[in-house]
Amino acid sequence: MVEKIRRVVTAHDENGKSVFVIDGHATAVKEMDSMPGLALTDLWRTAGAPADNSGREDAADGPIILEPAPGGTVFRIVEFPPDKAWRDRADARDAFESIGAGHAADRTSSDPMMHKTSTVDYLIVLKGEIWAILDSGEVCLKQGDVMIQRGTNHSWSVRTDEPCLLAAILVNAHAVD
């Protein structure tokens, strides 16, 4: 079951006073069809920097894609189920295509989930633990740990019986060849 994430968003009223405009479960949620239990919940997106804080629209409304728009950001929660629930049965190509990231998958890796994005990602483990896997090495991240992923080839693995919740802030970046 995908974790429901409460999201509170502020804006300005017609007099320039601060107001709450959203307080409820995030609605931009995508559970991967080929990976049951692996879900992306987008909380907010920006289209550029500096960000535009005017208006009251829900910037997370719309289809979920892996990478932010050019010059933009995505703030999301990723829920990774235990590997035993999906990893040996997942269709990685289908999963990446379903979030507009067919180009990100590393087709030469023995790990079908290995991929590279044109982003710098600020990652915070909120619950559980997860293994970050690179071309050369891996490290276990636990609740409260932070990782900065800088456009490198990477994959994820949950080797426990409990899912992992990961907060991810993705910032568009120049690709590294």
C-alpha atoms as a PDB file:
ATOM      1  CA  MET A   1       0.000   0.000   0.000  1.00  0.00           C
ATOM      2  CA  VAL A   2       1.414   3.352  -1.035  1.00  0.00           C
ATOM      3  CA  GLU A   3       2.058   5.750   1.849  1.00  0.00           C
ATOM      4  CA  LYS A   4      -0.199   8.820   1.828  1.00  0.00           C
ATOM      5  CA  ILE A   5       1.795  12.026   2.246  1.00  0.00           C
ATOM      6  CA  ARG A   6       0.148  15.101   3.779  1.00  0.00           C
ATOM      7  CA  ARG A   7       1.107  18.284   1.975  1.00  0.00           C
ATOM      8  CA  VAL A   8       0.519  21.833   3.233  1.00  0.00           C
ATOM      9  CA  VAL A   9       1.057  24.659   0.736  1.00  0.00           C
ATOM     10  CA  THR A  10       0.934  28.414   1.301  1.00  0.00           C
ATOM     11  CA  ALA A  11       0.225  31.372  -0.977  1.00  0.00           C
ATOM     12  CA  HIS A  12      -0.932  34.988  -0.761  1.00  0.00           C
ATOM     13  CA  ASP A  13      -4.495  36.277  -0.681  1.00  0.00           C
ATOM     14  CA  GLU A  14      -5.746  39.301  -2.644  1.00  0.00           C
ATOM     15  CA  ASN A  15      -4.404  41.593   0.122  1.00  0.00           C
ATOM     16  CA  GLY A  16      -0.929  40.064   0.061  1.00  0.00           C
ATOM     17  CA  LYS A  17      -1.477  38.183   3.333  1.00  0.00           C
ATOM     18  CA  SER A  18      -0.156  34.645   3.754  1.00  0.00           C
ATOM     19  CA  VAL A  19      -2.768  31.891   3.587  1.00  0.00           C
ATOM     20  CA  PHE A  20      -2.910  28.113   3.427  1.00  0.00           C
ATOM     21  CA  VAL A  21      -4.210  26.981   0.022  1.00  0.00           C
ATOM     22  CA  ILE A  22      -3.652  23.220   0.223  1.00  0.00           C
ATOM     23  CA  ASP A  23      -3.799  20.933   3.240  1.00  0.00           C
ATOM     24  CA  GLY A  24      -4.346  17.296   2.394  1.00  0.00           C
ATOM     25  CA  HIS A  25      -2.848  14.198   0.889  1.00  0.00           C
ATOM     26  CA  ALA A  26      -0.663  14.784  -2.155  1.00  0.00           C
ATOM     27  CA  THR A  27      -2.556  13.837  -5.296  1.00  0.00           C
ATOM     28  CA  ALA A  28       0.300  13.468  -7.818  1.00  0.00           C
ATOM     29  CA  VAL A  29       1.079   9.822  -7.083  1.00  0.00           C
ATOM     30  CA  LYS A  30       2.330   7.161  -9.479  1.00  0.00           C
ATOM     31  CA  GLU A  31       2.765   3.546  -8.459  1.00  0.00           C
ATOM     32  CA  MET A  32       4.889   1.777 -11.040  1.00  0.00           C
ATOM     33  CA  ASP A  33       2.831  -0.890 -12.818  1.00  0.00           C
ATOM     34  CA  SER A  34       5.799  -3.216 -13.283  1.00  0.00           C
ATOM     35  CA  MET A  35       7.064  -2.607  -9.734  1.00  0.00           C
ATOM     36  CA  PRO A  36       4.189  -2.971  -7.255  1.00  0.00           C
ATOM     37  CA  GLY A  37       4.797  -0.867  -4.166  1.00  0.00           C
ATOM     38  CA  LEU A  38       7.361   1.416  -5.813  1.00  0.00           C
ATOM     39  CA  ALA A  39       5.685   4.806  -5.876  1.00  0.00           C
ATOM     40  CA  LEU A  40       6.571   8.400  -6.685  1.00  0.00           C
ATOM     41  CA  THR A  41       4.644  11.168  -4.917  1.00  0.00           C
ATOM     42  CA  ASP A  42       5.359  14.618  -6.321  1.00  0.00           C
ATOM     43  CA  LEU A  43       4.892  17.358  -3.748  1.00  0.00           C
ATOM     44  CA  TRP A  44       5.973  20.392  -5.783  1.00  0.00           C
ATOM     45  CA  ARG A  45       7.674  21.352  -9.027  1.00  0.00           C
ATOM     46  CA  THR A  46       9.291  24.522 -10.281  1.00  0.00           C
ATOM     47  CA  ALA A  47       9.891  25.445 -13.899  1.00  0.00           C
ATOM     48  CA  GLY A  48      12.981  27.584 -13.360  1.00  0.00           C
ATOM     49  CA  ALA A  49      15.039  29.680 -11.013  1.00  0.00           C
ATOM     50  CA  PRO A  50      14.233  31.906  -9.395  1.00  0.00           C
ATOM     51  CA  ALA A  51      10.951  30.111  -8.752  1.00  0.00           C
ATOM     52  CA  ASP A  52       7.640  31.903  -9.282  1.00  0.00           C
ATOM     53  CA  ASN A  53       5.732  32.102  -5.979  1.00  0.00           C
ATOM     54  CA  SER A  54       2.741  33.974  -7.395  1.00  0.00           C
ATOM     55  CA  GLY A  55      -0.619  32.366  -7.952  1.00  0.00           C
ATOM     56  CA  ARG A  56      -2.397  29.524  -6.205  1.00  0.00           C
ATOM     57  CA  GLU A  57      -2.099  26.703  -8.733  1.00  0.00           C
ATOM     58  CA  ASP A  58      -0.936  23.272  -7.648  1.00  0.00           C
ATOM     59  CA  ALA A  59       2.519  23.047  -9.242  1.00  0.00           C
ATOM     60  CA  ALA A  60       2.597  19.263  -8.712  1.00  0.00           C
ATOM     61  CA  ASP A  61      -0.558  18.704 -10.735  1.00  0.00           C
ATOM     62  CA  GLY A  62       0.089  16.737 -13.918  1.00  0.00           C
ATOM     63  CA  PRO A  63       1.851  13.590 -15.060  1.00  0.00           C
ATOM     64  CA  ILE A  64       4.829  12.377 -13.071  1.00  0.00           C
ATOM     65  CA  ILE A  65       8.093  12.321 -14.973  1.00  0.00           C
ATOM     66  CA  LEU A  66      11.469  11.344 -13.539  1.00  0.00           C
ATOM     67  CA  GLU A  67      13.429  14.524 -14.220  1.00  0.00           C
ATOM     68  CA  PRO A  68      12.484  18.168 -13.676  1.00  0.00           C
ATOM     69  CA  ALA A  69      11.946  20.578 -16.550  1.00  0.00           C
ATOM     70  CA  PRO A  70      15.060  22.376 -17.861  1.00  0.00           C
ATOM     71  CA  GLY A  71      16.116  24.798 -15.124  1.00  0.00           C
ATOM     72  CA  GLY A  72      13.474  23.360 -12.794  1.00  0.00           C
ATOM     73  CA  THR A  73      13.115  21.240  -9.670  1.00  0.00           C
ATOM     74  CA  VAL A  74      10.963  18.404  -8.360  1.00  0.00           C
ATOM     75  CA  PHE A  75      10.305  17.678  -4.691  1.00  0.00           C
ATOM     76  CA  ARG A  76       9.045  14.132  -4.245  1.00  0.00           C
ATOM     77  CA  ILE A  77       8.780  11.207  -1.887  1.00  0.00           C
ATOM     78  CA  VAL A  78       9.804   7.827  -3.295  1.00  0.00           C
ATOM     79  CA  GLU A  79       8.558   4.671  -1.633  1.00  0.00           C
ATOM     80  CA  PHE A  80      10.718   1.637  -2.332  1.00  0.00           C
ATOM     81  CA  PRO A  81       9.276  -1.746  -1.372  1.00  0.00           C
ATOM     82  CA  PRO A  82      11.547  -4.600  -0.313  1.00  0.00           C
ATOM     83  CA  ASP A  83      13.455  -6.067  -3.265  1.00  0.00           C
ATOM     84  CA  LYS A  84      11.782  -9.455  -2.815  1.00  0.00           C
ATOM     85  CA  ALA A  85       8.421  -7.862  -3.699  1.00  0.00           C
ATOM     86  CA  TRP A  86       9.444  -6.723  -7.183  1.00  0.00           C
ATOM     87  CA  ARG A  87      13.099  -6.651  -8.180  1.00  0.00           C
ATOM     88  CA  ASP A  88      13.346 -10.020  -9.964  1.00  0.00           C
ATOM     89  CA  ARG A  89      10.038  -9.487 -11.775  1.00  0.00           C
ATOM     90  CA  ALA A  90      10.257  -5.801 -12.739  1.00  0.00           C
ATOM     91  CA  ASP A  91      10.253  -4.562 -16.297  1.00  0.00           C
ATOM     92  CA  ALA A  92      12.804  -1.755 -15.952  1.00  0.00           C
ATOM     93  CA  ARG A  93      12.391  -0.543 -19.536  1.00  0.00           C
ATOM     94  CA  ASP A  94       8.621  -0.197 -19.063  1.00  0.00           C
ATOM     95  CA  ALA A  95       9.101   1.523 -15.700  1.00  0.00           C
ATOM     96  CA  PHE A  96      11.510   4.150 -17.035  1.00  0.00           C
ATOM     97  CA  GLU A  97       9.373   4.735 -20.152  1.00  0.00           C
ATOM     98  CA  SER A  98       6.270   5.254 -17.976  1.00  0.00           C
ATOM     99  CA  ILE A  99       7.910   8.263 -16.300  1.00  0.00           C
ATOM    100  CA  GLY A 100       9.387   9.782 -19.453  1.00  0.00           C
ATOM    101  CA  ALA A 101      12.873   8.483 -18.732  1.00  0.00           C
ATOM    102  CA  GLY A 102      13.597   5.766 -21.262  1.00  0.00           C
ATOM    103  CA  HIS A 103      16.836   7.618 -21.990  1.00  0.00           C
ATOM    104  CA  ALA A 104      18.008   7.333 -18.361  1.00  0.00           C
ATOM    105  CA  ALA A 105      18.330   3.538 -18.146  1.00  0.00           C
ATOM    106  CA  ASP A 106      21.820   2.056 -18.460  1.00  0.00           C
ATOM    107  CA  ARG A 107      21.288  -0.800 -20.900  1.00  0.00           C
ATOM    108  CA  THR A 108      24.881  -2.058 -20.408  1.00  0.00           C
ATOM    109  CA  SER A 109      24.564  -2.733 -16.662  1.00  0.00           C
ATOM    110  CA  SER A 110      23.703  -6.131 -15.199  1.00  0.00           C
ATOM    111  CA  ASP A 111      21.410  -4.196 -12.805  1.00  0.00           C
ATOM    112  CA  PRO A 112      18.238  -3.435 -14.814  1.00  0.00           C
ATOM    113  CA  MET A 113      17.444  -0.494 -12.516  1.00  0.00           C
ATOM    114  CA  MET A 114      20.798   1.258 -13.050  1.00  0.00           C
ATOM    115  CA  HIS A 115      20.174   4.722 -14.502  1.00  0.00           C
ATOM    116  CA  LYS A 116      21.582   8.244 -14.839  1.00  0.00           C
ATOM    117  CA  THR A 117      19.714  11.549 -14.770  1.00  0.00           C
ATOM    118  CA  SER A 118      20.735  15.100 -15.634  1.00  0.00           C
ATOM    119  CA  THR A 119      20.118  16.241 -12.075  1.00  0.00           C
ATOM    120  CA  VAL A 120      21.682  16.854  -8.722  1.00  0.00           C
ATOM    121  CA  ASP A 121      19.520  15.025  -6.171  1.00  0.00           C
ATOM    122  CA  TYR A 122      19.325  15.852  -2.481  1.00  0.00           C
ATOM    123  CA  LEU A 123      18.132  12.634  -0.833  1.00  0.00           C
ATOM    124  CA  ILE A 124      17.026  12.087   2.767  1.00  0.00           C
ATOM    125  CA  VAL A 125      15.990   8.705   4.158  1.00  0.00           C
ATOM    126  CA  LEU A 126      12.771   9.302   6.111  1.00  0.00           C
ATOM    127  CA  LYS A 127      11.991   5.707   7.058  1.00  0.00           C
ATOM    128  CA  GLY A 128      13.715   2.364   6.688  1.00  0.00           C
ATOM    129  CA  GLU A 129      16.989   1.743   4.909  1.00  0.00           C
ATOM    130  CA  ILE A 130      18.151   1.499   1.326  1.00  0.00           C
ATOM    131  CA  TRP A 131      21.336   0.567  -0.495  1.00  0.00           C
ATOM    132  CA  ALA A 132      22.655   3.137  -2.959  1.00  0.00           C
ATOM    133  CA  ILE A 133      24.444   1.265  -5.740  1.00  0.00           C
ATOM    134  CA  LEU A 134      26.968   2.906  -8.084  1.00  0.00           C
ATOM    135  CA  ASP A 135      29.142   1.530 -10.873  1.00  0.00           C
ATOM    136  CA  SER A 136      31.872   1.098  -8.292  1.00  0.00           C
ATOM    137  CA  GLY A 137      30.580   0.342  -4.815  1.00  0.00           C
ATOM    138  CA  GLU A 138      27.471   0.560  -2.685  1.00  0.00           C
ATOM    139  CA  VAL A 139      26.521   2.019   0.680  1.00  0.00           C
ATOM    140  CA  CYS A 140      23.630   1.442   3.083  1.00  0.00           C
ATOM    141  CA  LEU A 141      21.651   4.572   3.965  1.00  0.00           C
ATOM    142  CA  LYS A 142      19.463   4.558   7.080  1.00  0.00           C
ATOM    143  CA  GLN A 143      16.799   6.841   8.521  1.00  0.00           C
ATOM    144  CA  GLY A 144      18.168  10.375   8.785  1.00  0.00           C
ATOM    145  CA  ASP A 145      21.052   9.790   6.369  1.00  0.00           C
ATOM    146  CA  VAL A 146      21.536  12.198   3.478  1.00  0.00           C
ATOM    147  CA  MET A 147      23.026  11.579   0.041  1.00  0.00           C
ATOM    148  CA  ILE A 148      23.845  14.041  -2.716  1.00  0.00           C
ATOM    149  CA  GLN A 149      23.617  12.242  -6.059  1.00  0.00           C
ATOM    150  CA  ARG A 150      25.369  14.277  -8.761  1.00  0.00           C
ATOM    151  CA  GLY A 151      24.279  12.912 -12.128  1.00  0.00           C
ATOM    152  CA  THR A 152      25.975   9.559 -11.544  1.00  0.00           C
ATOM    153  CA  ASN A 153      24.885   6.138 -12.709  1.00  0.00           C
ATOM    154  CA  HIS A 154      22.946   4.651  -9.767  1.00  0.00           C
ATOM    155  CA  SER A 155      20.391   2.121  -8.596  1.00  0.00           C
ATOM    156  CA  TRP A 156      18.542   1.325  -5.345  1.00  0.00           C
ATOM    157  CA  SER A 157      18.005  -1.825  -3.302  1.00  0.00           C
ATOM    158  CA  VAL A 158      15.889  -2.457  -0.189  1.00  0.00           C
ATOM    159  CA  ARG A 159      17.282  -5.616   1.382  1.00  0.00           C
ATOM    160  CA  THR A 160      15.062  -5.648   4.472  1.00  0.00           C
ATOM    161  CA  ASP A 161      11.416  -6.665   4.885  1.00  0.00           C
ATOM    162  CA  GLU A 162      10.273  -3.054   5.374  1.00  0.00           C
ATOM    163  CA  PRO A 163       9.770  -0.397   2.685  1.00  0.00           C
ATOM    164  CA  CYS A 164      11.966   2.694   2.557  1.00  0.00           C
ATOM    165  CA  LEU A 165      10.642   6.245   2.257  1.00  0.00           C
ATOM    166  CA  LEU A 166      13.086   8.624   0.605  1.00  0.00           C
ATOM    167  CA  ALA A 167      12.613  12.389   0.233  1.00  0.00           C
ATOM    168  CA  ALA A 168      14.171  13.575  -3.011  1.00  0.00           C
ATOM    169  CA  ILE A 169      14.733  17.095  -4.291  1.00  0.00           C
ATOM    170  CA  LEU A 170      15.818  16.884  -7.936  1.00  0.00           C
ATOM    171  CA  VAL A 171      17.438  19.938  -9.513  1.00  0.00           C
ATOM    172  CA  ASN A 172      17.990  20.081 -13.267  1.00  0.00           C
ATOM    173  CA  ALA A 173      21.714  19.960 -14.086  1.00  0.00           C
ATOM    174  CA  HIS A 174      24.042  19.679 -17.037  1.00  0.00           C
ATOM    175  CA  ALA A 175      24.592  16.080 -18.092  1.00  0.00           C
ATOM    176  CA  VAL A 176      27.948  14.510 -17.266  1.00  0.00           C
ATOM    177  CA  ASP A 177      29.395  12.418 -20.082  1.00  0.00           C
END
